[in-house]
Amino acid sequence: MSTAKIAITIDDKLVEKIDALVKKRIFPNRSRAIQEAVAEKLSRLDKSRLAKECSKLDKVFEQHLTEEGLTSEIELWPEY
């Protein structure tokens, strides 16, 4: 995995919290703590975006499509 160096500005209180986590050996260094925090936040944003899109679906219509698709193809399924 390639990485890129970036410079960021962080509030002193956050730096203290990050340093405390590093001191407790929860993270090996500041960089790793920030990388994991950013990755987790991005993952949560992706999940919330997916949830918002799913909430726009019409559940009754989607269920009808699912059942319609199954009944039209069931004759093609092999017997087990």
PDB file of N, CA and C in Angstrom:
ATOM      1  N   MET A   1       0.843  -1.174   0.000  1.00  0.00           N
ATOM      2  CA  MET A   1       0.000   0.000   0.000  1.00  0.00           C
ATOM      3  C   MET A   1       0.890   1.239   0.000  1.00  0.00           C
ATOM      4  N   SER A   2       0.661   2.103  -0.961  1.00  0.00           N
ATOM      5  CA  SER A   2       1.452   3.323  -0.986  1.00  0.00           C
ATOM      6  C   SER A   2       0.816   4.360  -0.065  1.00  0.00           C
ATOM      7  N   THR A   3       1.649   5.243   0.414  1.00  0.00           N
ATOM      8  CA  THR A   3       1.167   6.289   1.311  1.00  0.00           C
ATOM      9  C   THR A   3       1.651   7.634   0.813  1.00  0.00           C
ATOM     10  N   ALA A   4       1.003   8.682   1.290  1.00  0.00           N
ATOM     11  CA  ALA A   4       1.398  10.046   0.938  1.00  0.00           C
ATOM     12  C   ALA A   4       1.517  10.850   2.216  1.00  0.00           C
ATOM     13  N   LYS A   5       2.507  11.698   2.262  1.00  0.00           N
ATOM     14  CA  LYS A   5       2.664  12.591   3.409  1.00  0.00           C
ATOM     15  C   LYS A   5       1.823  13.826   3.183  1.00  0.00           C
ATOM     16  N   ILE A   6       1.116  14.225   4.233  1.00  0.00           N
ATOM     17  CA  ILE A   6       0.343  15.461   4.172  1.00  0.00           C
ATOM     18  C   ILE A   6       0.574  16.233   5.460  1.00  0.00           C
ATOM     19  N   ALA A   7       0.353  17.514   5.389  1.00  0.00           N
ATOM     20  CA  ALA A   7       0.454  18.351   6.584  1.00  0.00           C
ATOM     21  C   ALA A   7      -0.955  18.773   6.963  1.00  0.00           C
ATOM     22  N   ILE A   8      -1.272  18.634   8.247  1.00  0.00           N
ATOM     23  CA  ILE A   8      -2.598  19.028   8.715  1.00  0.00           C
ATOM     24  C   ILE A   8      -2.460  19.878   9.978  1.00  0.00           C
ATOM     25  N   THR A   9      -3.493  20.628  10.252  1.00  0.00           N
ATOM     26  CA  THR A   9      -3.534  21.426  11.466  1.00  0.00           C
ATOM     27  C   THR A   9      -4.611  20.830  12.365  1.00  0.00           C
ATOM     28  N   ILE A  10      -4.234  20.540  13.602  1.00  0.00           N
ATOM     29  CA  ILE A  10      -5.165  19.916  14.545  1.00  0.00           C
ATOM     30  C   ILE A  10      -5.153  20.716  15.842  1.00  0.00           C
ATOM     31  N   ASP A  11      -6.323  20.852  16.399  1.00  0.00           N
ATOM     32  CA  ASP A  11      -6.486  21.535  17.673  1.00  0.00           C
ATOM     33  C   ASP A  11      -5.593  20.900  18.741  1.00  0.00           C
ATOM     34  N   ASP A  12      -5.023  21.722  19.622  1.00  0.00           N
ATOM     35  CA  ASP A  12      -4.121  21.231  20.669  1.00  0.00           C
ATOM     36  C   ASP A  12      -4.757  20.151  21.544  1.00  0.00           C
ATOM     37  N   LYS A  13      -6.037  20.308  21.841  1.00  0.00           N
ATOM     38  CA  LYS A  13      -6.726  19.319  22.686  1.00  0.00           C
ATOM     39  C   LYS A  13      -6.778  17.957  22.003  1.00  0.00           C
ATOM     40  N   LEU A  14      -7.001  17.960  20.697  1.00  0.00           N
ATOM     41  CA  LEU A  14      -7.017  16.692  19.962  1.00  0.00           C
ATOM     42  C   LEU A  14      -5.629  16.056  19.937  1.00  0.00           C
ATOM     43  N   VAL A  15      -4.616  16.877  19.762  1.00  0.00           N
ATOM     44  CA  VAL A  15      -3.242  16.360  19.763  1.00  0.00           C
ATOM     45  C   VAL A  15      -2.937  15.715  21.109  1.00  0.00           C
ATOM     46  N   GLU A  16      -3.380  16.340  22.191  1.00  0.00           N
ATOM     47  CA  GLU A  16      -3.165  15.760  23.525  1.00  0.00           C
ATOM     48  C   GLU A  16      -3.850  14.398  23.644  1.00  0.00           C
ATOM     49  N   LYS A  17      -5.058  14.295  23.125  1.00  0.00           N
ATOM     50  CA  LYS A  17      -5.781  13.020  23.178  1.00  0.00           C
ATOM     51  C   LYS A  17      -5.082  11.954  22.343  1.00  0.00           C
ATOM     52  N   ILE A  18      -4.619  12.359  21.163  1.00  0.00           N
ATOM     53  CA  ILE A  18      -3.886  11.412  20.305  1.00  0.00           C
ATOM     54  C   ILE A  18      -2.609  10.965  20.989  1.00  0.00           C
ATOM     55  N   ASP A  19      -1.885  11.907  21.570  1.00  0.00           N
ATOM     56  CA  ASP A  19      -0.646  11.569  22.268  1.00  0.00           C
ATOM     57  C   ASP A  19      -0.907  10.626  23.446  1.00  0.00           C
ATOM     58  N   ALA A  20      -2.027  10.818  24.136  1.00  0.00           N
ATOM     59  CA  ALA A  20      -2.370   9.930  25.250  1.00  0.00           C
ATOM     60  C   ALA A  20      -2.620   8.517  24.745  1.00  0.00           C
ATOM     61  N   LEU A  21      -3.267   8.390  23.589  1.00  0.00           N
ATOM     62  CA  LEU A  21      -3.510   7.064  23.010  1.00  0.00           C
ATOM     63  C   LEU A  21      -2.199   6.399  22.586  1.00  0.00           C
ATOM     64  N   VAL A  22      -1.285   7.195  22.055  1.00  0.00           N
ATOM     65  CA  VAL A  22       0.029   6.662  21.666  1.00  0.00           C
ATOM     66  C   VAL A  22       0.793   6.230  22.921  1.00  0.00           C
ATOM     67  N   LYS A  23       0.732   7.050  23.961  1.00  0.00           N
ATOM     68  CA  LYS A  23       1.432   6.728  25.208  1.00  0.00           C
ATOM     69  C   LYS A  23       0.901   5.431  25.821  1.00  0.00           C
ATOM     70  N   LYS A  24      -0.425   5.202  25.686  1.00  0.00           N
ATOM     71  CA  LYS A  24      -1.033   3.966  26.198  1.00  0.00           C
ATOM     72  C   LYS A  24      -0.814   2.782  25.256  1.00  0.00           C
ATOM     73  N   ARG A  25      -0.122   3.030  24.162  1.00  0.00           N
ATOM     74  CA  ARG A  25       0.192   2.029  23.149  1.00  0.00           C
ATOM     75  C   ARG A  25      -1.040   1.474  22.433  1.00  0.00           C
ATOM     76  N   ILE A  26      -2.079   2.299  22.368  1.00  0.00           N
ATOM     77  CA  ILE A  26      -3.257   1.927  21.584  1.00  0.00           C
ATOM     78  C   ILE A  26      -2.924   2.076  20.102  1.00  0.00           C
ATOM     79  N   PHE A  27      -2.108   3.077  19.797  1.00  0.00           N
ATOM     80  CA  PHE A  27      -1.578   3.281  18.448  1.00  0.00           C
ATOM     81  C   PHE A  27      -0.069   3.406  18.550  1.00  0.00           C
ATOM     82  N   PRO A  28       0.650   2.954  17.515  1.00  0.00           N
ATOM     83  CA  PRO A  28       2.106   3.035  17.572  1.00  0.00           C
ATOM     84  C   PRO A  28       2.640   4.467  17.442  1.00  0.00           C
ATOM     85  N   ASN A  29       1.856   5.323  16.775  1.00  0.00           N
ATOM     86  CA  ASN A  29       2.288   6.707  16.578  1.00  0.00           C
ATOM     87  C   ASN A  29       1.097   7.579  16.183  1.00  0.00           C
ATOM     88  N   ARG A  30       1.347   8.869  16.128  1.00  0.00           N
ATOM     89  CA  ARG A  30       0.283   9.807  15.766  1.00  0.00           C
ATOM     90  C   ARG A  30      -0.273   9.524  14.369  1.00  0.00           C
ATOM     91  N   SER A  31       0.631   9.245  13.463  1.00  0.00           N
ATOM     92  CA  SER A  31       0.228   8.999  12.077  1.00  0.00           C
ATOM     93  C   SER A  31      -0.800   7.881  11.987  1.00  0.00           C
ATOM     94  N   ARG A  32      -0.510   6.775  12.649  1.00  0.00           N
ATOM     95  CA  ARG A  32      -1.421   5.629  12.600  1.00  0.00           C
ATOM     96  C   ARG A  32      -2.757   5.980  13.240  1.00  0.00           C
ATOM     97  N   ALA A  33      -2.743   6.707  14.324  1.00  0.00           N
ATOM     98  CA  ALA A  33      -3.983   7.106  15.001  1.00  0.00           C
ATOM     99  C   ALA A  33      -4.845   7.946  14.063  1.00  0.00           C
ATOM    100  N   ILE A  34      -4.229   8.886  13.383  1.00  0.00           N
ATOM    101  CA  ILE A  34      -4.976   9.754  12.484  1.00  0.00           C
ATOM    102  C   ILE A  34      -5.449   8.986  11.252  1.00  0.00           C
ATOM    103  N   GLN A  35      -4.605   8.099  10.715  1.00  0.00           N
ATOM    104  CA  GLN A  35      -5.006   7.281   9.563  1.00  0.00           C
ATOM    105  C   GLN A  35      -6.246   6.458   9.888  1.00  0.00           C
ATOM    106  N   GLU A  36      -6.225   5.805  11.037  1.00  0.00           N
ATOM    107  CA  GLU A  36      -7.358   4.959  11.412  1.00  0.00           C
ATOM    108  C   GLU A  36      -8.607   5.781  11.676  1.00  0.00           C
ATOM    109  N   ALA A  37      -8.449   6.957  12.260  1.00  0.00           N
ATOM    110  CA  ALA A  37      -9.599   7.828  12.522  1.00  0.00           C
ATOM    111  C   ALA A  37     -10.234   8.284  11.205  1.00  0.00           C
ATOM    112  N   VAL A  38      -9.410   8.672  10.254  1.00  0.00           N
ATOM    113  CA  VAL A  38      -9.925   9.118   8.960  1.00  0.00           C
ATOM    114  C   VAL A  38     -10.587   7.960   8.226  1.00  0.00           C
ATOM    115  N   ALA A  39      -9.950   6.794   8.233  1.00  0.00           N
ATOM    116  CA  ALA A  39     -10.524   5.621   7.565  1.00  0.00           C
ATOM    117  C   ALA A  39     -11.878   5.255   8.166  1.00  0.00           C
ATOM    118  N   GLU A  40     -11.961   5.276   9.491  1.00  0.00           N
ATOM    119  CA  GLU A  40     -13.227   4.949  10.157  1.00  0.00           C
ATOM    120  C   GLU A  40     -14.312   5.961   9.803  1.00  0.00           C
ATOM    121  N   LYS A  41     -13.981   7.233   9.795  1.00  0.00           N
ATOM    122  CA  LYS A  41     -14.949   8.277   9.460  1.00  0.00           C
ATOM    123  C   LYS A  41     -15.442   8.109   8.031  1.00  0.00           C
ATOM    124  N   LEU A  42     -14.535   7.854   7.096  1.00  0.00           N
ATOM    125  CA  LEU A  42     -14.929   7.669   5.703  1.00  0.00           C
ATOM    126  C   LEU A  42     -15.825   6.445   5.544  1.00  0.00           C
ATOM    127  N   SER A  43     -15.519   5.385   6.266  1.00  0.00           N
ATOM    128  CA  SER A  43     -16.346   4.186   6.229  1.00  0.00           C
ATOM    129  C   SER A  43     -17.754   4.475   6.748  1.00  0.00           C
ATOM    130  N   ARG A  44     -17.841   5.219   7.833  1.00  0.00           N
ATOM    131  CA  ARG A  44     -19.158   5.581   8.388  1.00  0.00           C
ATOM    132  C   ARG A  44     -19.943   6.451   7.412  1.00  0.00           C
ATOM    133  N   LEU A  45     -19.264   7.376   6.742  1.00  0.00           N
ATOM    134  CA  LEU A  45     -19.942   8.219   5.759  1.00  0.00           C
ATOM    135  C   LEU A  45     -20.491   7.383   4.605  1.00  0.00           C
ATOM    136  N   ASP A  46     -19.701   6.409   4.141  1.00  0.00           N
ATOM    137  CA  ASP A  46     -20.164   5.521   3.072  1.00  0.00           C
ATOM    138  C   ASP A  46     -21.394   4.742   3.510  1.00  0.00           C
ATOM    139  N   LYS A  47     -21.358   4.219   4.735  1.00  0.00           N
ATOM    140  CA  LYS A  47     -22.498   3.444   5.234  1.00  0.00           C
ATOM    141  C   LYS A  47     -23.729   4.310   5.387  1.00  0.00           C
ATOM    142  N   SER A  48     -23.560   5.527   5.874  1.00  0.00           N
ATOM    143  CA  SER A  48     -24.726   6.395   6.064  1.00  0.00           C
ATOM    144  C   SER A  48     -25.294   6.821   4.711  1.00  0.00           C
ATOM    145  N   ARG A  49     -24.439   6.998   3.716  1.00  0.00           N
ATOM    146  CA  ARG A  49     -24.911   7.346   2.377  1.00  0.00           C
ATOM    147  C   ARG A  49     -25.712   6.198   1.788  1.00  0.00           C
ATOM    148  N   LEU A  50     -25.230   4.976   1.986  1.00  0.00           N
ATOM    149  CA  LEU A  50     -25.949   3.798   1.505  1.00  0.00           C
ATOM    150  C   LEU A  50     -27.296   3.671   2.222  1.00  0.00           C
ATOM    151  N   ALA A  51     -27.304   3.903   3.523  1.00  0.00           N
ATOM    152  CA  ALA A  51     -28.544   3.825   4.289  1.00  0.00           C
ATOM    153  C   ALA A  51     -29.549   4.868   3.808  1.00  0.00           C
ATOM    154  N   LYS A  52     -29.084   6.076   3.511  1.00  0.00           N
ATOM    155  CA  LYS A  52     -29.975   7.124   3.000  1.00  0.00           C
ATOM    156  C   LYS A  52     -30.570   6.724   1.664  1.00  0.00           C
ATOM    157  N   GLU A  53     -29.746   6.159   0.792  1.00  0.00           N
ATOM    158  CA  GLU A  53     -30.244   5.732  -0.518  1.00  0.00           C
ATOM    159  C   GLU A  53     -31.243   4.592  -0.364  1.00  0.00           C
ATOM    160  N   CYS A  54     -30.963   3.669   0.528  1.00  0.00           N
ATOM    161  CA  CYS A  54     -31.878   2.542   0.752  1.00  0.00           C
ATOM    162  C   CYS A  54     -33.211   3.020   1.318  1.00  0.00           C
ATOM    163  N   SER A  55     -33.175   4.046   2.142  1.00  0.00           N
ATOM    164  CA  SER A  55     -34.411   4.552   2.735  1.00  0.00           C
ATOM    165  C   SER A  55     -35.322   5.179   1.690  1.00  0.00           C
ATOM    166  N   LYS A  56     -34.778   5.530   0.537  1.00  0.00           N
ATOM    167  CA  LYS A  56     -35.586   6.112  -0.534  1.00  0.00           C
ATOM    168  C   LYS A  56     -36.368   5.053  -1.310  1.00  0.00           C
ATOM    169  N   LEU A  57     -35.995   3.789  -1.135  1.00  0.00           N
ATOM    170  CA  LEU A  57     -36.662   2.723  -1.875  1.00  0.00           C
ATOM    171  C   LEU A  57     -38.079   2.502  -1.360  1.00  0.00           C
ATOM    172  N   ASP A  58     -38.963   2.134  -2.264  1.00  0.00           N
ATOM    173  CA  ASP A  58     -40.331   1.773  -1.905  1.00  0.00           C
ATOM    174  C   ASP A  58     -40.322   0.289  -1.559  1.00  0.00           C
ATOM    175  N   LYS A  59     -40.481  -0.029  -0.291  1.00  0.00           N
ATOM    176  CA  LYS A  59     -40.357  -1.416   0.171  1.00  0.00           C
ATOM    177  C   LYS A  59     -41.373  -2.336  -0.482  1.00  0.00           C
ATOM    178  N   VAL A  60     -42.590  -1.873  -0.648  1.00  0.00           N
ATOM    179  CA  VAL A  60     -43.635  -2.707  -1.260  1.00  0.00           C
ATOM    180  C   VAL A  60     -43.283  -2.999  -2.710  1.00  0.00           C
ATOM    181  N   PHE A  61     -42.864  -1.982  -3.439  1.00  0.00           N
ATOM    182  CA  PHE A  61     -42.492  -2.154  -4.834  1.00  0.00           C
ATOM    183  C   PHE A  61     -41.289  -3.095  -4.971  1.00  0.00           C
ATOM    184  N   GLU A  62     -40.275  -2.908  -4.124  1.00  0.00           N
ATOM    185  CA  GLU A  62     -39.083  -3.765  -4.171  1.00  0.00           C
ATOM    186  C   GLU A  62     -39.443  -5.218  -3.863  1.00  0.00           C
ATOM    187  N   GLN A  63     -40.322  -5.429  -2.891  1.00  0.00           N
ATOM    188  CA  GLN A  63     -40.754  -6.790  -2.548  1.00  0.00           C
ATOM    189  C   GLN A  63     -41.488  -7.412  -3.735  1.00  0.00           C
ATOM    190  N   HIS A  64     -42.344  -6.631  -4.387  1.00  0.00           N
ATOM    191  CA  HIS A  64     -43.074  -7.126  -5.560  1.00  0.00           C
ATOM    192  C   HIS A  64     -42.096  -7.529  -6.664  1.00  0.00           C
ATOM    193  N   LEU A  65     -41.090  -6.688  -6.922  1.00  0.00           N
ATOM    194  CA  LEU A  65     -40.090  -7.018  -7.942  1.00  0.00           C
ATOM    195  C   LEU A  65     -39.357  -8.309  -7.606  1.00  0.00           C
ATOM    196  N   THR A  66     -39.024  -8.465  -6.349  1.00  0.00           N
ATOM    197  CA  THR A  66     -38.305  -9.665  -5.919  1.00  0.00           C
ATOM    198  C   THR A  66     -39.152 -10.907  -6.138  1.00  0.00           C
ATOM    199  N   GLU A  67     -40.388 -10.853  -5.685  1.00  0.00           N
ATOM    200  CA  GLU A  67     -41.272 -12.016  -5.826  1.00  0.00           C
ATOM    201  C   GLU A  67     -41.587 -12.307  -7.279  1.00  0.00           C
ATOM    202  N   GLU A  68     -41.760 -11.266  -8.085  1.00  0.00           N
ATOM    203  CA  GLU A  68     -42.032 -11.448  -9.508  1.00  0.00           C
ATOM    204  C   GLU A  68     -40.859 -12.134 -10.199  1.00  0.00           C
ATOM    205  N   GLY A  69     -39.646 -11.692  -9.855  1.00  0.00           N
ATOM    206  CA  GLY A  69     -38.453 -12.290 -10.453  1.00  0.00           C
ATOM    207  C   GLY A  69     -38.300 -13.752 -10.078  1.00  0.00           C
ATOM    208  N   LEU A  70     -38.623 -14.091  -8.856  1.00  0.00           N
ATOM    209  CA  LEU A  70     -38.485 -15.480  -8.412  1.00  0.00           C
ATOM    210  C   LEU A  70     -39.500 -16.384  -9.093  1.00  0.00           C
ATOM    211  N   THR A  71     -40.732 -15.955  -9.201  1.00  0.00           N
ATOM    212  CA  THR A  71     -41.757 -16.824  -9.778  1.00  0.00           C
ATOM    213  C   THR A  71     -41.553 -17.026 -11.265  1.00  0.00           C
ATOM    214  N   SER A  72     -41.022 -16.036 -11.956  1.00  0.00           N
ATOM    215  CA  SER A  72     -40.822 -16.202 -13.396  1.00  0.00           C
ATOM    216  C   SER A  72     -39.623 -17.093 -13.707  1.00  0.00           C
ATOM    217  N   GLU A  73     -38.711 -17.248 -12.771  1.00  0.00           N
ATOM    218  CA  GLU A  73     -37.512 -18.047 -13.020  1.00  0.00           C
ATOM    219  C   GLU A  73     -37.543 -19.402 -12.338  1.00  0.00           C
ATOM    220  N   ILE A  74     -38.510 -19.656 -11.494  1.00  0.00           N
ATOM    221  CA  ILE A  74     -38.479 -20.865 -10.679  1.00  0.00           C
ATOM    222  C   ILE A  74     -38.564 -22.120 -11.536  1.00  0.00           C
ATOM    223  N   GLU A  75     -39.240 -22.023 -12.704  1.00  0.00           N
ATOM    224  CA  GLU A  75     -39.339 -23.183 -13.568  1.00  0.00           C
ATOM    225  C   GLU A  75     -37.975 -23.575 -14.150  1.00  0.00           C
ATOM    226  N   LEU A  76     -37.067 -22.609 -14.223  1.00  0.00           N
ATOM    227  CA  LEU A  76     -35.741 -22.856 -14.798  1.00  0.00           C
ATOM    228  C   LEU A  76     -34.762 -23.456 -13.792  1.00  0.00           C
ATOM    229  N   TRP A  77     -35.117 -23.445 -12.517  1.00  0.00           N
ATOM    230  CA  TRP A  77     -34.213 -23.960 -11.489  1.00  0.00           C
ATOM    231  C   TRP A  77     -34.187 -25.476 -11.537  1.00  0.00           C
ATOM    232  N   PRO A  78     -33.014 -26.077 -11.426  1.00  0.00           N
ATOM    233  CA  PRO A  78     -32.947 -27.550 -11.400  1.00  0.00           C
ATOM    234  C   PRO A  78     -33.458 -28.103 -10.077  1.00  0.00           C
ATOM    235  N   GLU A  79     -33.988 -29.286 -10.107  1.00  0.00           N
ATOM    236  CA  GLU A  79     -34.426 -29.932  -8.881  1.00  0.00           C
ATOM    237  C   GLU A  79     -33.225 -30.493  -8.159  1.00  0.00           C
ATOM    238  N   TYR A  80     -33.275 -30.460  -6.831  1.00  0.00           N
ATOM    239  CA  TYR A  80     -32.149 -30.977  -6.041  1.00  0.00           C
ATOM    240  C   TYR A  80     -32.562 -32.214  -5.300  1.00  0.00           C
TER     241      TYR A  80
END
